[in-house]
N, C-alpha and C. Protein backbone atom coordinates (compact mmCIF):
# COMPACT_ATOMS: atom_id res chain seq x y z
N MET A 1 -11.98 -37.16 -33.61
CA MET A 1 -11.08 -37.28 -32.48
C MET A 1 -10.07 -36.13 -32.44
N ILE A 2 -9.54 -35.78 -33.61
CA ILE A 2 -8.57 -34.69 -33.68
C ILE A 2 -9.22 -33.37 -33.30
N SER A 3 -10.44 -33.14 -33.77
CA SER A 3 -11.11 -31.88 -33.44
C SER A 3 -11.39 -31.79 -31.95
N MET A 4 -11.67 -32.90 -31.29
CA MET A 4 -11.90 -32.89 -29.85
C MET A 4 -10.62 -32.52 -29.10
N ARG A 5 -9.49 -33.05 -29.53
CA ARG A 5 -8.20 -32.70 -28.92
C ARG A 5 -7.89 -31.23 -29.15
N PHE A 6 -8.16 -30.75 -30.36
CA PHE A 6 -7.91 -29.35 -30.69
C PHE A 6 -8.75 -28.43 -29.81
N MET A 7 -10.02 -28.79 -29.63
CA MET A 7 -10.91 -27.98 -28.78
C MET A 7 -10.42 -27.97 -27.34
N ALA A 8 -10.00 -29.13 -26.83
CA ALA A 8 -9.52 -29.21 -25.46
C ALA A 8 -8.25 -28.37 -25.28
N ALA A 9 -7.34 -28.45 -26.25
CA ALA A 9 -6.10 -27.67 -26.18
C ALA A 9 -6.40 -26.17 -26.27
N SER A 10 -7.35 -25.79 -27.12
CA SER A 10 -7.72 -24.38 -27.25
C SER A 10 -8.34 -23.85 -25.97
N LEU A 11 -9.21 -24.64 -25.36
CA LEU A 11 -9.83 -24.24 -24.09
C LEU A 11 -8.78 -24.06 -23.02
N PHE A 12 -7.85 -24.99 -22.93
CA PHE A 12 -6.78 -24.90 -21.94
C PHE A 12 -5.95 -23.63 -22.17
N ALA A 13 -5.61 -23.32 -23.41
CA ALA A 13 -4.83 -22.12 -23.73
C ALA A 13 -5.59 -20.86 -23.35
N CYS A 14 -6.89 -20.84 -23.59
CA CYS A 14 -7.70 -19.67 -23.22
C CYS A 14 -7.75 -19.47 -21.72
N LEU A 15 -7.86 -20.57 -20.98
CA LEU A 15 -7.90 -20.47 -19.53
C LEU A 15 -6.59 -19.92 -18.98
N ILE A 16 -5.49 -20.39 -19.53
CA ILE A 16 -4.18 -19.88 -19.07
C ILE A 16 -4.04 -18.41 -19.42
N ALA A 17 -4.37 -18.03 -20.64
CA ALA A 17 -4.24 -16.64 -21.07
C ALA A 17 -5.18 -15.73 -20.32
N GLY A 18 -6.38 -16.20 -19.99
CA GLY A 18 -7.36 -15.39 -19.27
C GLY A 18 -6.92 -15.03 -17.87
N GLY A 19 -6.14 -15.89 -17.22
CA GLY A 19 -5.69 -15.63 -15.86
C GLY A 19 -4.37 -14.90 -15.80
N ALA A 20 -3.73 -14.66 -16.93
CA ALA A 20 -2.40 -14.07 -16.94
C ALA A 20 -2.36 -12.67 -16.36
N GLY A 21 -3.41 -11.89 -16.51
CA GLY A 21 -3.41 -10.53 -16.00
C GLY A 21 -4.02 -10.40 -14.62
N ALA A 22 -4.32 -11.51 -14.01
CA ALA A 22 -4.99 -11.49 -12.71
C ALA A 22 -4.07 -10.93 -11.64
N ALA A 23 -4.68 -10.34 -10.63
CA ALA A 23 -3.92 -9.80 -9.51
C ALA A 23 -3.47 -10.92 -8.60
N ALA A 24 -2.37 -10.67 -7.92
CA ALA A 24 -1.86 -11.62 -6.94
C ALA A 24 -1.43 -10.81 -5.72
N LEU A 25 -2.38 -10.45 -4.90
CA LEU A 25 -2.16 -9.60 -3.75
C LEU A 25 -1.74 -10.47 -2.57
N ARG A 26 -0.55 -10.22 -2.03
CA ARG A 26 -0.04 -11.00 -0.90
C ARG A 26 0.17 -10.08 0.30
N VAL A 27 0.08 -10.65 1.50
CA VAL A 27 0.33 -9.90 2.73
C VAL A 27 1.21 -10.70 3.68
N SER A 28 1.92 -9.97 4.54
CA SER A 28 2.72 -10.59 5.58
C SER A 28 2.94 -9.56 6.68
N PRO A 29 2.82 -9.93 7.92
CA PRO A 29 2.45 -11.23 8.46
C PRO A 29 0.95 -11.47 8.34
N ILE A 30 0.53 -12.66 8.71
CA ILE A 30 -0.89 -12.99 8.61
C ILE A 30 -1.63 -12.75 9.92
N ASN A 31 -0.94 -12.27 10.94
CA ASN A 31 -1.58 -11.80 12.17
C ASN A 31 -0.62 -10.87 12.90
N LEU A 32 -1.17 -9.99 13.74
CA LEU A 32 -0.37 -9.07 14.54
C LEU A 32 -0.74 -9.26 16.00
N ASP A 33 0.25 -9.54 16.83
CA ASP A 33 0.06 -9.60 18.28
C ASP A 33 0.93 -8.51 18.88
N LEU A 34 0.29 -7.46 19.39
CA LEU A 34 1.00 -6.28 19.87
C LEU A 34 0.76 -6.07 21.36
N LYS A 35 1.70 -5.41 22.01
CA LYS A 35 1.61 -5.09 23.43
C LYS A 35 1.16 -3.64 23.62
N ALA A 36 0.53 -3.37 24.74
CA ALA A 36 0.08 -2.01 25.05
C ALA A 36 1.27 -1.05 25.10
N SER A 37 2.43 -1.55 25.52
CA SER A 37 3.62 -0.70 25.61
C SER A 37 4.20 -0.35 24.23
N SER A 38 3.85 -1.10 23.21
CA SER A 38 4.31 -0.84 21.84
C SER A 38 3.16 -1.09 20.88
N PRO A 39 2.17 -0.15 20.85
CA PRO A 39 0.91 -0.40 20.14
C PRO A 39 0.94 -0.13 18.63
N THR A 40 2.09 -0.35 17.99
CA THR A 40 2.21 -0.09 16.56
C THR A 40 2.76 -1.33 15.85
N GLY A 41 2.16 -1.66 14.72
CA GLY A 41 2.64 -2.79 13.93
C GLY A 41 2.63 -2.45 12.45
N THR A 42 3.24 -3.31 11.66
CA THR A 42 3.31 -3.09 10.22
C THR A 42 2.93 -4.37 9.48
N VAL A 43 2.14 -4.19 8.42
CA VAL A 43 1.80 -5.29 7.51
C VAL A 43 2.30 -4.89 6.14
N ARG A 44 2.98 -5.80 5.47
CA ARG A 44 3.47 -5.53 4.12
C ARG A 44 2.51 -6.16 3.11
N VAL A 45 2.27 -5.44 2.01
CA VAL A 45 1.42 -5.95 0.92
C VAL A 45 2.22 -5.90 -0.38
N TRP A 46 2.05 -6.94 -1.20
CA TRP A 46 2.73 -7.04 -2.49
C TRP A 46 1.71 -7.25 -3.59
N GLU A 47 2.04 -6.78 -4.77
CA GLU A 47 1.24 -7.03 -5.97
C GLU A 47 2.14 -7.75 -6.97
N ASP A 48 1.82 -9.01 -7.23
CA ASP A 48 2.61 -9.82 -8.16
C ASP A 48 1.95 -9.95 -9.53
N GLY A 49 0.84 -9.27 -9.75
CA GLY A 49 0.14 -9.36 -11.03
C GLY A 49 0.78 -8.49 -12.09
N LEU A 50 0.05 -8.30 -13.18
CA LEU A 50 0.57 -7.55 -14.33
C LEU A 50 0.01 -6.14 -14.44
N ARG A 51 -0.98 -5.81 -13.60
CA ARG A 51 -1.59 -4.47 -13.65
C ARG A 51 -1.60 -3.86 -12.25
N PRO A 52 -1.64 -2.53 -12.19
CA PRO A 52 -1.75 -1.88 -10.88
C PRO A 52 -3.04 -2.30 -10.18
N VAL A 53 -2.99 -2.36 -8.85
CA VAL A 53 -4.14 -2.75 -8.05
C VAL A 53 -4.36 -1.70 -6.98
N LYS A 54 -5.60 -1.24 -6.86
CA LYS A 54 -5.97 -0.29 -5.80
C LYS A 54 -6.43 -1.11 -4.60
N VAL A 55 -5.96 -0.72 -3.42
CA VAL A 55 -6.21 -1.48 -2.20
C VAL A 55 -6.79 -0.54 -1.14
N GLN A 56 -7.83 -1.04 -0.45
CA GLN A 56 -8.44 -0.30 0.66
C GLN A 56 -8.16 -1.06 1.95
N VAL A 57 -7.84 -0.31 3.01
CA VAL A 57 -7.52 -0.92 4.30
C VAL A 57 -8.45 -0.35 5.36
N ARG A 58 -9.10 -1.25 6.13
CA ARG A 58 -10.01 -0.83 7.19
C ARG A 58 -9.77 -1.68 8.43
N VAL A 59 -10.10 -1.11 9.60
CA VAL A 59 -9.95 -1.82 10.87
C VAL A 59 -11.32 -1.92 11.53
N PHE A 60 -11.64 -3.10 12.05
CA PHE A 60 -12.89 -3.35 12.76
C PHE A 60 -12.61 -4.01 14.10
N ARG A 61 -13.41 -3.66 15.09
CA ARG A 61 -13.36 -4.36 16.38
C ARG A 61 -13.93 -5.75 16.15
N TRP A 62 -13.28 -6.79 16.68
CA TRP A 62 -13.65 -8.18 16.43
C TRP A 62 -14.08 -8.84 17.74
N THR A 63 -15.34 -9.25 17.80
CA THR A 63 -15.86 -9.94 18.97
C THR A 63 -16.63 -11.17 18.51
N LYS A 64 -16.92 -12.03 19.48
CA LYS A 64 -17.76 -13.21 19.22
C LYS A 64 -19.08 -12.99 19.95
N VAL A 65 -20.19 -13.15 19.22
CA VAL A 65 -21.52 -13.03 19.80
C VAL A 65 -22.27 -14.31 19.45
N ASN A 66 -22.67 -15.06 20.48
CA ASN A 66 -23.35 -16.34 20.28
C ASN A 66 -22.57 -17.26 19.35
N GLY A 67 -21.24 -17.26 19.51
CA GLY A 67 -20.39 -18.14 18.72
C GLY A 67 -20.11 -17.67 17.30
N LYS A 68 -20.59 -16.49 16.93
CA LYS A 68 -20.37 -15.97 15.58
C LYS A 68 -19.49 -14.72 15.63
N ASP A 69 -18.63 -14.57 14.62
CA ASP A 69 -17.79 -13.39 14.53
C ASP A 69 -18.63 -12.15 14.28
N ARG A 70 -18.25 -11.08 14.97
CA ARG A 70 -18.92 -9.80 14.77
C ARG A 70 -17.85 -8.73 14.55
N LEU A 71 -17.99 -7.97 13.49
CA LEU A 71 -17.08 -6.87 13.19
C LEU A 71 -17.82 -5.55 13.31
N ASP A 72 -17.28 -4.67 14.16
CA ASP A 72 -17.89 -3.36 14.37
C ASP A 72 -16.88 -2.26 14.01
N PRO A 73 -17.34 -1.18 13.39
CA PRO A 73 -16.43 -0.06 13.10
C PRO A 73 -15.79 0.45 14.38
N THR A 74 -14.55 0.93 14.27
CA THR A 74 -13.84 1.42 15.45
C THR A 74 -12.96 2.61 15.07
N THR A 75 -12.71 3.46 16.04
CA THR A 75 -11.72 4.52 15.88
C THR A 75 -10.57 4.33 16.87
N ASP A 76 -10.60 3.23 17.62
CA ASP A 76 -9.55 2.93 18.60
C ASP A 76 -8.24 2.52 17.94
N VAL A 77 -8.35 1.93 16.76
CA VAL A 77 -7.17 1.49 16.01
C VAL A 77 -7.32 2.00 14.58
N VAL A 78 -6.23 2.53 14.03
CA VAL A 78 -6.25 3.05 12.66
C VAL A 78 -5.17 2.38 11.83
N ALA A 79 -5.38 2.40 10.50
CA ALA A 79 -4.40 1.87 9.56
C ALA A 79 -4.07 2.97 8.55
N SER A 80 -2.80 3.05 8.19
CA SER A 80 -2.38 4.08 7.25
C SER A 80 -1.35 3.49 6.28
N PRO A 81 -1.53 3.72 5.00
CA PRO A 81 -2.57 4.52 4.35
C PRO A 81 -3.88 3.73 4.24
N PRO A 82 -5.02 4.42 4.27
CA PRO A 82 -6.30 3.71 4.15
C PRO A 82 -6.59 3.25 2.73
N VAL A 83 -5.99 3.91 1.74
CA VAL A 83 -6.12 3.51 0.33
C VAL A 83 -4.77 3.70 -0.33
N THR A 84 -4.38 2.73 -1.15
CA THR A 84 -3.12 2.84 -1.88
C THR A 84 -3.23 2.10 -3.20
N THR A 85 -2.37 2.45 -4.13
CA THR A 85 -2.30 1.74 -5.40
C THR A 85 -0.94 1.07 -5.49
N LEU A 86 -0.98 -0.23 -5.72
CA LEU A 86 0.26 -1.00 -5.86
C LEU A 86 0.52 -1.25 -7.34
N LYS A 87 1.70 -0.87 -7.80
CA LYS A 87 2.10 -1.15 -9.16
C LYS A 87 2.59 -2.60 -9.23
N PRO A 88 2.54 -3.21 -10.41
CA PRO A 88 3.00 -4.59 -10.53
C PRO A 88 4.43 -4.77 -10.01
N GLY A 89 4.62 -5.81 -9.22
CA GLY A 89 5.95 -6.12 -8.70
C GLY A 89 6.40 -5.25 -7.56
N THR A 90 5.51 -4.46 -6.96
CA THR A 90 5.91 -3.57 -5.87
C THR A 90 5.29 -4.01 -4.55
N GLU A 91 5.76 -3.39 -3.49
CA GLU A 91 5.20 -3.65 -2.17
C GLU A 91 5.01 -2.33 -1.44
N ASN A 92 4.19 -2.38 -0.39
CA ASN A 92 3.92 -1.20 0.41
C ASN A 92 3.75 -1.66 1.86
N SER A 93 3.99 -0.75 2.78
CA SER A 93 3.80 -1.04 4.20
C SER A 93 2.55 -0.34 4.69
N ILE A 94 1.79 -1.05 5.51
CA ILE A 94 0.60 -0.49 6.15
C ILE A 94 0.88 -0.46 7.64
N ARG A 95 0.79 0.71 8.22
CA ARG A 95 0.99 0.85 9.67
C ARG A 95 -0.34 0.69 10.39
N VAL A 96 -0.32 -0.05 11.46
CA VAL A 96 -1.49 -0.27 12.30
C VAL A 96 -1.14 0.29 13.67
N VAL A 97 -1.99 1.23 14.16
CA VAL A 97 -1.68 1.92 15.42
C VAL A 97 -2.91 1.96 16.31
N ARG A 98 -2.74 1.58 17.57
CA ARG A 98 -3.81 1.75 18.56
C ARG A 98 -3.69 3.18 19.08
N VAL A 99 -4.71 4.00 18.77
CA VAL A 99 -4.68 5.41 19.14
C VAL A 99 -5.51 5.70 20.39
N SER A 100 -6.28 4.75 20.83
CA SER A 100 -7.10 4.94 22.02
C SER A 100 -6.21 5.10 23.24
N LYS A 101 -6.61 5.99 24.14
CA LYS A 101 -5.86 6.22 25.38
C LYS A 101 -6.39 5.37 26.54
N LYS A 102 -7.50 4.64 26.28
CA LYS A 102 -8.04 3.77 27.32
C LYS A 102 -7.07 2.63 27.59
N PRO A 103 -6.87 2.28 28.87
CA PRO A 103 -5.98 1.15 29.16
C PRO A 103 -6.57 -0.16 28.63
N ILE A 104 -5.67 -1.04 28.22
CA ILE A 104 -6.09 -2.36 27.75
C ILE A 104 -6.21 -3.28 28.96
N VAL A 105 -7.35 -3.94 29.06
CA VAL A 105 -7.57 -4.91 30.12
C VAL A 105 -7.69 -6.28 29.45
N GLY A 106 -6.70 -7.14 29.66
CA GLY A 106 -6.73 -8.44 29.00
C GLY A 106 -6.28 -8.33 27.56
N THR A 107 -7.21 -8.63 26.64
CA THR A 107 -6.91 -8.60 25.21
C THR A 107 -7.99 -7.85 24.45
N GLU A 108 -7.58 -7.00 23.52
CA GLU A 108 -8.50 -6.37 22.57
C GLU A 108 -8.23 -6.98 21.21
N SER A 109 -9.30 -7.38 20.52
CA SER A 109 -9.15 -8.03 19.22
C SER A 109 -9.78 -7.20 18.11
N TYR A 110 -9.08 -7.13 16.99
CA TYR A 110 -9.52 -6.38 15.83
C TYR A 110 -9.27 -7.23 14.58
N ARG A 111 -9.86 -6.80 13.48
CA ARG A 111 -9.58 -7.39 12.18
C ARG A 111 -9.16 -6.28 11.24
N LEU A 112 -8.04 -6.48 10.57
CA LEU A 112 -7.56 -5.57 9.54
C LEU A 112 -8.00 -6.15 8.21
N LEU A 113 -8.90 -5.46 7.52
CA LEU A 113 -9.37 -5.92 6.22
C LEU A 113 -8.62 -5.19 5.12
N ILE A 114 -7.97 -5.96 4.26
CA ILE A 114 -7.24 -5.42 3.11
C ILE A 114 -7.96 -5.92 1.88
N ASP A 115 -8.64 -4.99 1.18
CA ASP A 115 -9.47 -5.34 0.03
C ASP A 115 -8.88 -4.81 -1.27
N GLN A 116 -8.83 -5.68 -2.26
CA GLN A 116 -8.52 -5.25 -3.62
C GLN A 116 -9.78 -4.59 -4.15
N LEU A 117 -9.67 -3.39 -4.67
CA LEU A 117 -10.83 -2.69 -5.22
C LEU A 117 -10.95 -2.98 -6.72
N PRO A 118 -12.18 -3.08 -7.22
CA PRO A 118 -12.36 -3.37 -8.65
C PRO A 118 -11.85 -2.21 -9.51
N GLU A 119 -11.35 -2.56 -10.68
CA GLU A 119 -10.88 -1.55 -11.62
C GLU A 119 -12.08 -0.90 -12.29
N ALA A 120 -12.12 0.41 -12.25
CA ALA A 120 -13.23 1.14 -12.88
C ALA A 120 -13.18 0.95 -14.39
N GLY A 121 -14.32 0.62 -14.98
CA GLY A 121 -14.43 0.49 -16.42
C GLY A 121 -13.72 -0.71 -17.02
N ARG A 122 -13.39 -1.71 -16.22
CA ARG A 122 -12.67 -2.88 -16.75
C ARG A 122 -13.52 -4.13 -16.67
N LYS A 123 -14.79 -4.03 -17.01
CA LYS A 123 -15.67 -5.19 -17.04
C LYS A 123 -15.62 -5.82 -18.42
N THR A 124 -15.54 -7.13 -18.44
CA THR A 124 -15.53 -7.87 -19.69
C THR A 124 -16.74 -8.79 -19.71
N PRO A 125 -17.59 -8.65 -20.72
CA PRO A 125 -18.77 -9.52 -20.78
C PRO A 125 -18.37 -11.00 -20.76
N GLY A 126 -19.10 -11.77 -19.98
CA GLY A 126 -18.86 -13.21 -19.91
C GLY A 126 -17.76 -13.60 -18.93
N GLN A 127 -17.18 -12.63 -18.22
CA GLN A 127 -16.14 -12.96 -17.24
C GLN A 127 -16.57 -12.49 -15.86
N VAL A 128 -16.12 -13.21 -14.86
CA VAL A 128 -16.39 -12.87 -13.48
C VAL A 128 -15.11 -12.31 -12.87
N SER A 129 -15.20 -11.16 -12.24
CA SER A 129 -14.04 -10.59 -11.54
C SER A 129 -14.12 -10.97 -10.08
N VAL A 130 -13.05 -11.55 -9.58
CA VAL A 130 -12.99 -11.94 -8.18
C VAL A 130 -11.99 -11.03 -7.49
N MET A 131 -12.44 -10.31 -6.49
CA MET A 131 -11.59 -9.42 -5.73
C MET A 131 -11.01 -10.18 -4.54
N ILE A 132 -9.83 -9.81 -4.13
CA ILE A 132 -9.15 -10.47 -3.02
C ILE A 132 -9.40 -9.68 -1.75
N ARG A 133 -9.69 -10.41 -0.66
CA ARG A 133 -9.80 -9.79 0.67
C ARG A 133 -8.95 -10.60 1.63
N HIS A 134 -8.08 -9.89 2.33
CA HIS A 134 -7.31 -10.50 3.42
C HIS A 134 -7.90 -9.98 4.72
N SER A 135 -8.18 -10.87 5.65
CA SER A 135 -8.70 -10.51 6.97
C SER A 135 -7.66 -10.94 8.00
N ILE A 136 -6.97 -9.97 8.56
CA ILE A 136 -5.82 -10.25 9.44
C ILE A 136 -6.19 -9.95 10.88
N PRO A 137 -6.05 -10.94 11.77
CA PRO A 137 -6.33 -10.68 13.18
C PRO A 137 -5.25 -9.78 13.80
N VAL A 138 -5.70 -8.80 14.58
CA VAL A 138 -4.81 -7.89 15.29
C VAL A 138 -5.22 -7.93 16.76
N ARG A 139 -4.28 -8.27 17.62
CA ARG A 139 -4.57 -8.35 19.06
C ARG A 139 -3.63 -7.46 19.84
N PHE A 140 -4.20 -6.75 20.82
CA PHE A 140 -3.43 -5.93 21.74
C PHE A 140 -3.60 -6.52 23.13
N THR A 141 -2.50 -6.73 23.83
CA THR A 141 -2.56 -7.26 25.20
C THR A 141 -1.86 -6.32 26.15
N ASP A 142 -2.29 -6.38 27.42
CA ASP A 142 -1.67 -5.51 28.42
C ASP A 142 -0.35 -6.05 28.91
């Protein structure tokens, strides 16, 4: 009975210690609703983990086709910086800008994808690395 309790306590301690260095990538706001007259927005990202995290930012045109989400590459809207490294406990701002000169008719919808990139050479046998992806809706209206 004692050995079973010891094993359970040891397993619990390993699980807690194993997650201690995990990334905690946060974003705010969780959506952007922008007007054609002011086609620029900002998203803030934070890293609350214990190690630096490399982040990639991409923008896709977002449409629905037969009831399913469809993401297509676009150059109408850009995000800057497209890649950044966040040190533990720091934050960064990502600017989102509609650069297209075409007039907006109704609403244009996009998705801003903020991906945590895997650390090069940091694979540990027997562990699964889970990367974080934030998918933020961005809408422009006339």
